[in-house]
Protein backbone atom coordinates (compact mmCIF):
# COMPACT_ATOMS: atom_id res chain seq x y z
CA UNK A 1 187.80 99.30 68.47
CA UNK A 2 189.00 98.04 65.07
CA UNK A 3 187.65 94.56 65.87
CA UNK A 4 183.99 95.70 66.06
CA UNK A 5 183.41 95.94 62.29
CA UNK A 6 184.68 92.38 61.86
CA UNK A 7 182.46 91.14 64.75
CA UNK A 8 179.38 92.84 63.29
CA UNK A 9 180.16 91.50 59.81
CA UNK A 10 180.55 87.97 61.20
CA UNK A 11 177.24 88.20 63.05
CA UNK A 12 175.48 89.46 59.93
CA UNK A 13 176.93 86.65 57.78
CA UNK A 14 175.96 84.09 60.44
CA UNK A 15 172.40 85.40 60.49
CA UNK A 16 172.17 85.26 56.71
CA UNK A 17 173.58 81.73 56.64
CA UNK A 18 171.14 80.61 59.35
CA UNK A 19 168.22 82.13 57.46
CA UNK A 20 169.36 80.44 54.24
CA UNK A 21 169.73 77.05 55.93
CA UNK A 22 166.34 77.47 57.62
CA UNK A 23 164.77 78.23 54.26
CA UNK A 24 166.47 75.24 52.68
CA UNK A 25 165.30 73.05 55.54
CA UNK A 26 161.70 74.24 55.06
CA UNK A 27 161.93 73.57 51.33
CA UNK A 28 163.24 70.06 52.01
CA UNK A 29 160.29 69.29 54.27
CA UNK A 30 157.78 67.38 52.21
CA UNK A 31 154.10 66.72 52.32
CA UNK A 32 152.94 63.84 54.49
CA UNK A 33 153.33 60.48 52.74
CA UNK A 34 150.59 58.90 50.66
CA UNK A 35 149.82 56.94 47.49
CA UNK A 36 151.11 58.22 44.15
CA UNK A 37 148.85 60.61 42.26
CA UNK A 38 148.37 62.24 38.86
CA UNK A 39 147.38 65.80 37.93
CA UNK A 40 143.61 66.49 37.73
CA UNK A 41 142.69 62.87 38.57
CA UNK A 42 144.54 62.69 41.89
CA UNK A 43 145.09 59.24 43.39
CA UNK A 44 144.23 56.56 40.85
CA UNK A 45 142.15 54.48 43.28
CA UNK A 46 139.42 57.15 43.09
CA UNK A 47 138.65 55.76 39.63
CA UNK A 48 137.33 52.60 41.30
CA UNK A 49 136.53 53.78 44.84
CA UNK A 50 133.87 56.23 46.01
CA UNK A 51 134.27 58.97 48.60
CA UNK A 52 131.64 57.02 50.57
CA UNK A 53 134.38 54.41 51.06
CA UNK A 54 136.77 57.01 52.43
CA UNK A 55 137.10 55.49 55.91
CA UNK A 56 137.99 52.06 54.55
CA UNK A 57 140.53 53.65 52.19
CA UNK A 58 142.04 55.67 55.03
CA UNK A 59 142.44 52.70 57.36
CA UNK A 60 144.51 50.99 54.71
CA UNK A 61 146.50 54.13 53.87
CA UNK A 62 147.22 54.94 57.55
CA UNK A 63 148.40 51.37 58.14
CA UNK A 64 150.88 51.72 55.29
CA UNK A 65 152.04 55.33 55.71
CA UNK A 66 151.48 56.37 59.34
CA UNK A 67 149.19 58.71 61.35
CA UNK A 68 149.52 61.68 58.94
CA UNK A 69 148.85 61.03 55.26
CA UNK A 70 148.17 63.14 52.17
CA UNK A 71 145.71 62.17 49.44
CA UNK A 72 144.92 63.87 46.17
CA UNK A 73 141.15 64.14 45.56
CA UNK A 74 140.89 65.47 42.05
CA UNK A 75 142.98 68.67 41.97
CA UNK A 76 142.78 69.11 45.77
CA UNK A 77 145.28 68.03 48.43
CA UNK A 78 143.72 66.52 51.54
CA UNK A 79 145.70 65.73 54.71
CA UNK A 80 144.26 63.18 57.15
CA UNK A 81 145.31 62.88 60.80
CA UNK A 82 144.28 59.83 62.85
CA UNK A 83 146.41 60.30 65.98
CA UNK A 84 144.83 62.16 68.92
CA UNK A 85 148.15 63.52 70.23
CA UNK A 86 149.01 65.02 66.84
CA UNK A 87 145.45 66.34 66.56
CA UNK A 88 145.84 68.13 69.90
CA UNK A 89 149.13 69.64 68.80
CA UNK A 90 147.50 70.96 65.61
CA UNK A 91 144.09 72.10 66.87
CA UNK A 92 145.11 73.40 70.29
CA UNK A 93 148.89 73.88 70.32
CA UNK A 94 148.87 75.50 66.87
CA UNK A 95 145.25 76.55 67.09
CA UNK A 96 145.47 79.88 65.29
CA UNK A 97 147.36 78.37 62.35
CA UNK A 98 144.85 75.51 61.95
CA UNK A 99 141.68 77.60 62.44
CA UNK A 100 141.01 78.35 58.77
CA UNK A 101 138.75 76.54 56.30
CA UNK A 102 139.70 75.41 52.78
CA UNK A 103 139.22 78.32 50.42
CA UNK A 104 137.51 78.44 48.10
CA UNK A 105 135.07 75.77 49.35
CA UNK A 106 134.51 72.68 47.21
CA UNK A 107 132.32 73.41 44.14
CA UNK A 108 129.63 71.05 45.48
CA UNK A 109 129.38 73.21 48.61
CA UNK A 110 129.12 76.44 46.63
CA UNK A 111 126.21 75.06 44.60
CA UNK A 112 124.19 73.77 47.56
CA UNK A 113 124.72 77.00 49.57
CA UNK A 114 124.26 79.41 46.66
CA UNK A 115 127.82 80.67 47.11
CA UNK A 116 127.18 82.12 50.58
CA UNK A 117 129.44 81.52 53.54
CA UNK A 118 128.07 80.02 56.73
CA UNK A 119 129.69 79.89 60.17
CA UNK A 120 131.19 76.46 59.60
CA UNK A 121 132.71 77.38 56.21
CA UNK A 122 133.72 81.02 56.71
CA UNK A 123 137.47 81.71 56.61
CA UNK A 124 139.11 82.49 59.93
CA UNK A 125 138.70 86.24 60.09
CA UNK A 126 136.25 89.13 60.69
CA UNK A 127 133.21 87.52 59.01
CA UNK A 128 133.59 84.29 60.98
CA UNK A 129 134.09 86.17 64.26
CA UNK A 130 130.91 88.21 63.79
CA UNK A 131 128.74 85.21 62.86
CA UNK A 132 130.23 82.95 65.54
CA UNK A 133 129.93 85.62 68.24
CA UNK A 134 126.31 86.22 67.28
CA UNK A 135 125.16 82.60 67.60
CA UNK A 136 127.21 82.01 70.75
CA UNK A 137 126.04 85.11 72.62
CA UNK A 138 122.52 85.48 71.27
CA UNK A 139 121.29 81.86 71.07
CA UNK A 140 123.69 79.39 72.69
CA UNK A 141 124.53 81.32 75.85
CA UNK A 142 123.12 79.42 78.88
CA UNK A 143 120.82 82.35 79.75
CA UNK A 144 119.37 82.30 76.23
CA UNK A 145 119.05 78.50 76.18
CA UNK A 146 116.73 78.70 79.20
CA UNK A 147 114.27 80.73 77.11
CA UNK A 148 113.53 77.60 75.10
CA UNK A 149 112.63 75.36 78.06
CA UNK A 150 108.94 75.66 77.12
CA UNK A 151 109.79 74.60 73.58
CA UNK A 152 111.66 71.55 74.82
CA UNK A 153 108.72 70.51 77.02
CA UNK A 154 106.36 70.98 74.05
CA UNK A 155 108.53 68.85 71.77
CA UNK A 156 108.93 66.17 74.44
CA UNK A 157 105.15 65.81 74.67
CA UNK A 158 104.94 65.54 70.87
CA UNK A 159 107.62 62.84 70.89
CA UNK A 160 106.04 60.81 73.71
CA UNK A 161 102.58 61.02 72.07
CA UNK A 162 104.01 60.00 68.70
CA UNK A 163 105.80 56.98 70.20
CA UNK A 164 102.69 55.92 72.15
CA UNK A 165 100.58 56.07 68.99
CA UNK A 166 103.17 54.16 66.95
CA UNK A 167 103.40 51.39 69.55
CA UNK A 168 99.64 50.83 69.77
CA UNK A 169 98.83 47.13 70.12
CA UNK A 170 102.39 46.30 71.11
CA UNK A 171 103.86 46.83 67.65
CA UNK A 172 107.64 47.47 67.45
CA UNK A 173 108.52 51.12 66.91
CA UNK A 174 111.11 52.38 64.42
CA UNK A 175 112.12 55.33 66.54
CA UNK A 176 114.52 57.15 64.21
CA UNK A 177 111.84 59.12 62.35
CA UNK A 178 110.25 60.22 65.63
CA UNK A 179 113.63 61.31 67.01
CA UNK A 180 114.46 63.18 63.82
CA UNK A 181 111.17 65.07 63.68
CA UNK A 182 111.22 65.95 67.40
CA UNK A 183 114.71 67.45 67.24
CA UNK A 184 113.84 69.29 64.01
CA UNK A 185 110.66 70.76 65.61
CA UNK A 186 112.74 72.07 68.50
CA UNK A 187 115.34 73.67 66.23
CA UNK A 188 112.63 75.24 64.04
CA UNK A 189 111.20 76.77 67.23
CA UNK A 190 114.62 78.14 68.19
CA UNK A 191 115.33 79.32 64.66
CA UNK A 192 112.06 81.11 63.90
CA UNK A 193 110.76 81.85 67.39
CA UNK A 194 107.30 80.31 67.18
CA UNK A 195 105.56 76.93 67.28
CA UNK A 196 104.67 76.38 63.65
CA UNK A 197 101.93 74.01 62.52
CA UNK A 198 103.07 70.47 61.78
CA UNK A 199 102.35 70.88 58.05
CA UNK A 200 104.66 73.91 57.84
CA UNK A 201 107.38 72.11 59.79
CA UNK A 202 107.10 69.07 57.50
CA UNK A 203 107.47 71.28 54.41
CA UNK A 204 110.59 72.91 55.78
CA UNK A 205 111.98 69.54 56.83
CA UNK A 206 111.33 68.08 53.38
CA UNK A 207 113.07 70.99 51.65
CA UNK A 208 116.06 70.78 53.99
CA UNK A 209 116.36 67.02 53.74
CA UNK A 210 115.99 66.83 49.98
CA UNK A 211 118.76 69.34 49.35
CA UNK A 212 120.99 67.87 52.06
CA UNK A 213 120.83 64.32 50.70
CA UNK A 214 121.14 65.50 47.10
CA UNK A 215 124.50 66.94 48.07
CA UNK A 216 126.00 63.45 47.68
CA UNK A 217 125.26 63.64 43.95
CA UNK A 218 127.03 67.00 43.74
CA UNK A 219 130.37 65.57 44.93
CA UNK A 220 131.24 64.76 41.29
CA UNK A 221 131.67 68.52 40.79
CA UNK A 222 134.77 68.40 43.00
CA UNK A 223 136.69 66.38 40.38
CA UNK A 224 137.85 68.53 37.44
CA UNK A 225 135.26 71.24 38.30
CA UNK A 226 135.42 73.09 34.97
CA UNK A 227 134.54 69.90 33.07
CA UNK A 228 132.21 68.22 35.58
CA UNK A 229 130.00 71.32 35.92
CA UNK A 230 129.26 71.08 32.20
CA UNK A 231 128.86 67.30 32.12
CA UNK A 232 126.59 67.28 35.18
CA UNK A 233 124.82 70.58 34.55
CA UNK A 234 121.42 68.95 35.14
CA UNK A 235 122.48 68.11 38.70
CA UNK A 236 123.46 71.73 39.23
CA UNK A 237 120.09 72.85 37.85
CA UNK A 238 118.24 70.41 40.14
CA UNK A 239 120.15 71.60 43.22
CA UNK A 240 119.42 75.24 42.41
CA UNK A 241 115.71 74.42 42.03
CA UNK A 242 115.74 72.72 45.44
CA UNK A 243 117.44 75.75 46.90
CA UNK A 244 114.72 78.01 45.45
CA UNK A 245 111.98 75.90 47.09
CA UNK A 246 113.78 76.28 50.40
CA UNK A 247 114.10 80.03 49.85
CA UNK A 248 110.39 80.45 49.14
CA UNK A 249 109.52 78.68 52.41
CA UNK A 250 111.88 80.86 54.45
CA UNK A 251 111.15 84.31 53.00
CA UNK A 252 107.63 84.67 54.52
CA UNK A 253 109.03 83.71 57.94
CA UNK A 254 111.80 86.29 57.58
CA UNK A 255 109.34 89.01 56.59
CA UNK A 256 107.00 88.04 59.44
CA UNK A 257 109.77 88.61 61.97
CA UNK A 258 110.65 91.95 60.40
CA UNK A 259 107.02 93.09 60.73
CA UNK A 260 106.89 91.86 64.31
CA UNK A 261 110.06 93.80 65.16
CA UNK A 262 108.62 97.00 63.63
CA UNK A 263 105.43 96.60 65.66
CA UNK A 264 107.42 95.84 68.78
CA UNK A 265 109.37 99.08 68.43
CA UNK A 266 106.15 101.08 67.97
CA UNK A 267 104.45 99.28 70.85
CA UNK A 268 101.06 98.38 69.35
CA UNK A 269 98.38 96.26 71.03
CA UNK A 270 98.88 93.66 68.33
CA UNK A 271 102.55 93.40 69.30
CA UNK A 272 101.64 92.82 72.96
CA UNK A 273 99.45 89.86 71.98
CA UNK A 274 102.19 88.41 69.77
CA UNK A 275 104.73 88.44 72.60
CA UNK A 276 102.92 85.44 74.08
CA UNK A 277 103.39 83.53 70.81
CA UNK A 278 106.89 84.62 69.80
CA UNK A 279 110.19 84.09 71.59
CA UNK A 280 113.54 85.61 70.66
CA UNK A 281 114.97 83.50 67.85
CA UNK A 282 118.09 82.90 65.82
CA UNK A 283 116.38 84.67 62.92
CA UNK A 284 115.85 87.76 65.11
CA UNK A 285 119.56 87.83 65.92
CA UNK A 286 120.48 87.58 62.22
CA UNK A 287 118.28 90.55 61.36
CA UNK A 288 120.37 92.65 63.74
CA UNK A 289 123.84 91.45 62.68
CA UNK A 290 126.21 94.08 61.25
CA UNK A 291 128.74 92.52 58.90
CA UNK A 292 132.09 94.03 57.90
CA UNK A 293 131.77 95.27 54.33
CA UNK A 294 135.15 94.86 52.64
CA UNK A 295 134.07 96.69 49.48
CA UNK A 296 132.67 99.82 51.14
CA UNK A 297 134.88 99.68 54.22
CA UNK A 298 131.89 99.96 56.57
CA UNK A 299 129.13 97.71 57.91
CA UNK A 300 126.08 96.17 56.30
CA UNK A 301 123.09 93.97 57.10
CA UNK A 302 122.67 90.39 55.93
CA UNK A 303 120.66 89.98 52.74
CA UNK A 304 117.71 87.57 52.62
CA UNK A 305 119.66 84.86 50.78
CA UNK A 306 122.42 84.98 53.41
CA UNK A 307 119.82 84.65 56.18
CA UNK A 308 118.26 81.65 54.40
CA UNK A 309 121.67 80.00 54.21
CA UNK A 310 122.50 80.63 57.88
CA UNK A 311 119.08 79.39 59.06
CA UNK A 312 119.56 76.29 56.95
CA UNK A 313 122.95 75.71 58.57
CA UNK A 314 121.36 76.06 62.02
CA UNK A 315 118.72 73.43 61.25
CA UNK A 316 121.10 71.02 59.50
CA UNK A 317 123.86 71.35 62.06
CA UNK A 318 121.77 70.36 65.05
CA UNK A 319 119.15 67.96 63.70
CA UNK A 320 120.89 64.91 62.22
CA UNK A 321 123.77 64.92 64.67
CA UNK A 322 121.52 65.01 67.76
CA UNK A 323 118.88 62.62 66.37
CA UNK A 324 121.57 60.15 65.28
CA UNK A 325 123.31 60.25 68.68
CA UNK A 326 119.95 59.77 70.38
CA UNK A 327 119.17 56.66 68.33
CA UNK A 328 122.61 55.13 68.98
CA UNK A 329 122.27 55.72 72.73
CA UNK A 330 118.76 54.22 72.89
CA UNK A 331 119.92 51.26 70.79
CA UNK A 332 122.63 50.53 73.34
CA UNK A 333 120.14 50.85 76.19
CA UNK A 334 117.97 48.25 74.45
CA UNK A 335 120.95 45.97 73.83
CA UNK A 336 122.39 46.46 77.33
CA UNK A 337 119.34 46.15 79.56
CA UNK A 338 121.43 46.34 82.73
CA UNK A 339 122.60 49.84 81.68
CA UNK A 340 119.00 50.91 81.06
CA UNK A 341 117.94 49.54 84.47
CA UNK A 342 120.77 51.33 86.25
CA UNK A 343 119.83 54.57 84.52
CA UNK A 344 116.16 54.12 85.41
CA UNK A 345 117.10 53.60 89.08
CA UNK A 346 119.08 56.85 89.06
CA UNK A 347 116.16 58.74 87.52
CA UNK A 348 113.72 57.29 90.05
CA UNK A 349 116.04 58.39 92.85
CA UNK A 350 116.03 61.99 91.66
CA UNK A 351 112.55 62.58 90.20
CA UNK A 352 109.29 61.68 91.99
CA UNK A 353 107.46 58.78 90.36
CA UNK A 354 105.10 59.77 87.56
CA UNK A 355 106.72 63.15 86.89
CA UNK A 356 108.68 64.21 83.83
CA UNK A 357 112.40 64.83 84.22
CA UNK A 358 112.92 68.59 84.29
CA UNK A 359 116.06 70.35 83.08
CA UNK A 360 117.11 71.30 86.62
CA UNK A 361 117.02 67.59 87.57
CA UNK A 362 119.69 66.67 85.03
CA UNK A 363 122.54 68.14 87.08
CA UNK A 364 122.02 65.46 89.74
CA UNK A 365 122.27 62.51 87.32
CA UNK A 366 125.89 61.40 87.10
CA UNK A 367 125.17 58.08 85.42
CA UNK A 368 123.00 59.75 82.77
CA UNK A 369 125.92 61.99 81.82
CA UNK A 370 128.20 58.93 81.65
CA UNK A 371 125.72 57.20 79.31
CA UNK A 372 125.64 60.22 77.00
CA UNK A 373 129.43 60.54 76.98
CA UNK A 374 129.89 56.85 76.22
CA UNK A 375 127.34 57.07 73.43
CA UNK A 376 129.23 59.95 71.82
CA UNK A 377 132.56 58.17 72.27
CA UNK A 378 131.44 54.82 70.89
CA UNK A 379 129.14 56.16 68.15
CA UNK A 380 130.15 59.71 67.13
CA UNK A 381 127.53 60.95 64.63
CA UNK A 382 130.32 62.29 62.44
CA UNK A 383 133.50 60.25 61.96
CA UNK A 384 135.31 63.37 60.74
CA UNK A 385 135.18 66.99 61.86
CA UNK A 386 134.65 69.57 59.14
CA UNK A 387 137.86 70.16 57.15
CA UNK A 388 140.37 72.66 58.52
CA UNK A 389 143.04 74.61 56.66
CA UNK A 390 146.18 76.50 57.66
CA UNK A 391 146.65 80.22 57.18
CA UNK A 392 150.18 79.63 55.87
CA UNK A 393 152.49 76.65 55.35
CA UNK A 394 153.02 74.98 58.74
CA UNK A 395 155.46 72.34 59.95
CA UNK A 396 153.72 69.51 61.83
CA UNK A 397 155.70 66.53 63.12
CA UNK A 398 158.36 67.02 60.44
CA UNK A 399 155.92 67.40 57.53
CA UNK A 400 154.89 70.47 55.57
CA UNK A 401 151.17 71.18 55.80
CA UNK A 402 150.53 73.48 52.83
CA UNK A 403 148.24 76.47 52.79
CA UNK A 404 145.11 75.64 50.82
CA UNK A 405 145.08 71.93 51.68
CA UNK A 406 142.05 70.36 53.32
CA UNK A 407 143.08 69.03 56.76
CA UNK A 408 140.88 66.33 58.22
CA UNK A 409 140.79 64.69 61.66
CA UNK A 410 139.47 61.16 62.12
CA UNK A 411 137.16 61.46 65.14
CA UNK A 412 136.16 57.80 65.33
CA UNK A 413 139.75 56.53 65.24
CA UNK A 414 140.64 58.81 68.16
CA UNK A 415 137.50 57.84 70.11
CA UNK A 416 138.44 54.17 69.71
CA UNK A 417 142.15 54.49 70.50
CA UNK A 418 143.13 51.45 72.61
CA UNK A 419 145.86 53.47 74.31
CA UNK A 420 143.18 55.71 75.83
CA UNK A 421 140.23 53.32 76.14
CA UNK A 422 140.47 49.66 77.24
CA UNK A 423 138.17 47.50 75.10
CA UNK A 424 137.16 50.56 73.08
CA UNK A 425 134.35 48.94 71.07
CA UNK A 426 132.39 47.99 74.20
CA UNK A 427 129.61 50.27 75.46
CA UNK A 428 130.57 50.89 79.09
CA UNK A 429 129.39 54.16 80.73
CA UNK A 430 131.39 53.32 83.88
CA UNK A 431 134.44 54.66 82.04
CA UNK A 432 133.22 58.16 82.92
CA UNK A 433 132.24 57.63 86.55
CA UNK A 434 134.46 58.68 89.42
CA UNK A 435 136.44 55.90 91.10
CA UNK A 436 137.23 52.48 89.67
CA UNK A 437 138.05 52.67 85.97
CA UNK A 438 136.39 56.07 85.64
CA UNK A 439 138.40 58.82 83.99
CA UNK A 440 137.84 62.56 83.85
CA UNK A 441 137.52 63.57 80.21
CA UNK A 442 137.51 67.15 78.98
CA UNK A 443 135.23 66.85 75.96
CA UNK A 444 136.52 70.18 74.63
CA UNK A 445 140.00 68.66 74.19
CA UNK A 446 141.72 71.73 75.64
CA UNK A 447 144.16 69.74 77.82
CA UNK A 448 144.32 66.54 75.79
CA UNK A 449 142.17 64.79 73.23
CA UNK A 450 140.69 61.44 74.22
CA UNK A 451 137.48 61.94 72.24
CA UNK A 452 136.32 64.85 70.10
CA UNK A 453 132.73 64.39 68.87
CA UNK A 454 132.38 68.19 68.66
CA UNK A 455 135.86 68.93 67.35
CA UNK A 456 138.46 70.88 69.32
CA UNK A 457 140.29 74.19 69.26
CA UNK A 458 138.99 77.46 67.89
CA UNK A 459 136.51 75.85 65.46
CA UNK A 460 134.94 73.56 68.07
CA UNK A 461 131.18 73.21 67.54
CA UNK A 462 129.51 76.18 69.28
CA UNK A 463 126.39 74.08 69.89
CA UNK A 464 128.15 71.49 72.07
CA UNK A 465 126.43 72.57 75.30
CA UNK A 466 123.01 72.68 73.66
CA UNK A 467 123.47 69.22 72.13
CA UNK A 468 124.48 67.74 75.50
CA UNK A 469 121.41 69.30 77.15
CA UNK A 470 119.07 67.93 74.47
CA UNK A 471 120.55 64.43 74.66
CA UNK A 472 120.37 64.31 78.46
CA UNK A 473 116.82 65.70 78.50
CA UNK A 474 115.40 63.36 75.87
CA UNK A 475 117.21 60.18 77.02
CA UNK A 476 116.16 60.71 80.63
CA UNK A 477 112.52 61.28 79.72
CA UNK A 478 112.37 58.42 77.22
CA UNK A 479 113.63 56.03 79.91
CA UNK A 480 111.25 57.58 82.47
CA UNK A 481 108.25 57.20 80.12
CA UNK A 482 108.93 53.76 78.61
CA UNK A 483 110.67 50.47 79.15
CA UNK A 484 112.67 49.76 76.00
CA UNK A 485 113.04 46.18 74.74
CA UNK A 486 114.24 44.60 71.52
CA UNK A 487 111.49 43.58 69.12
CA UNK A 488 110.54 39.95 69.66
CA UNK A 489 112.93 37.56 67.94
CA UNK A 490 115.29 40.36 66.85
CA UNK A 491 118.77 41.47 67.90
CA UNK A 492 119.89 45.08 67.94
CA UNK A 493 122.35 45.46 65.06
CA UNK A 494 125.04 48.09 65.66
CA UNK A 495 126.34 48.03 62.07
CA UNK A 496 126.88 51.46 60.50
CA UNK A 497 126.23 53.19 57.22
CA UNK A 498 127.06 56.70 56.05
CA UNK A 499 124.31 59.20 55.26
CA UNK A 500 124.70 62.84 56.27
CA UNK A 501 125.83 61.36 59.59
CA UNK A 502 126.92 57.81 60.46
CA UNK A 503 123.62 56.07 61.22
CA UNK A 504 122.48 52.56 62.12
CA UNK A 505 122.52 50.37 59.01
CA UNK A 506 119.40 48.61 60.33
CA UNK A 507 117.40 51.22 62.22
CA UNK A 508 116.42 50.57 65.83
CA UNK A 509 113.19 48.57 66.17
CA UNK A 510 112.08 48.45 69.77
CA UNK A 511 109.09 47.36 71.79
CA UNK A 512 108.26 50.19 74.17
CA UNK A 513 106.12 49.59 77.24
CA UNK A 514 104.67 52.64 79.04
CA UNK A 515 105.76 52.75 82.66
CA UNK A 516 103.01 53.02 85.24
CA UNK A 517 102.33 56.48 86.62
CA UNK A 518 101.59 57.10 90.28
């Protein structure tokens, strides 16, 4: 019996020693490697390089330091991961730890969004869960998506008519503007629940676009924010004025839906007539959201400015990404005529000649899905997912990933990994067909990451299913309606440039020939 105190004391000392050594080991773990940096300025090469050159900088840095690197951008630490296996370990294996967003957001973001959180920027917690659950259940659920089938058919007719008019006399068509406006019209319909006049849609589009593109000029605020906000105060003032224009366009639409909801609850004759014009919208769902109120400890409704910000996120998040992907896919169909012909043959085998491709037809088009997947793999609209952050310091592959750092995943580098994709820069839809070289790819990345155009893990884009539907629907009908050829004497140039998304440096110019109807 006398030995027990000594045994217990030994176990306690061993536990303390193990805890001490573990703590020392964690302290010895360092940040991922990267170029030397200085306080406030960060890495010195930012004095001569722009953030628009980030990909070129990263390729050089990853070659020198490995698949995980750390850069200093002004006062902020940014970690960049280019390896798909490590990305899967972080986003899926350690999903909860990597589900946060950098907090506070960059100063440029706070200016353009009037300080309000949106789904994509909200910290991992109650606010994010409420907003994410709302858009997923109320708008992006397959049953809800079907409600907008009439809107998709309406927008398709607008797009086809616009392309026919633009190609009158055999002139080449620059399709990007038509694609952009068509997708924006559809998202405005889903957001506000009615088919607005073209003038109103154009005004909203102009306000969105102007503020979105001006955001590039606000990036200077992220370097030494206290100083840059004073030096560039005119840019801040301009951005706030743009935001106010956007707000004034949205407020009447918000109030209109509130009035409609009040009439609907009363059950007036006027409400019955409006039901034919209105469909349930994202705005309707936001009016009914109950947010956790940390100050009062209860629940509250969204204020008008928060609704404006969330509607703006909805329109921005789905327009450029889908329109850009659509242009890249059509450009490859023009450049690879044999792919276009094979796709046309599949469509003709499923849909009677002269008819539009309906949404229920898409499920029987295996090659169409392969074309869309290859387009997203070869030309992801975003070469990075939105920055992640960890909820506490995390060990990843022997490195310390610090809380508060911006963690970034290089989508394009993973999509073009030669270990996963033979001849990765070629456009070859057969990669995704069963048999032969075809491989089954889980685009969500839950089992492994081979491509991640929508991200992966808990912050995966909630609109992934909707985007795939829109791409399949528009590509199929564009090929059904027209034969797409390169403009006479021109080659399709697949060079890239960075705007809000990664777009074609020289936009697609195509000669489109209407196909004969039965």
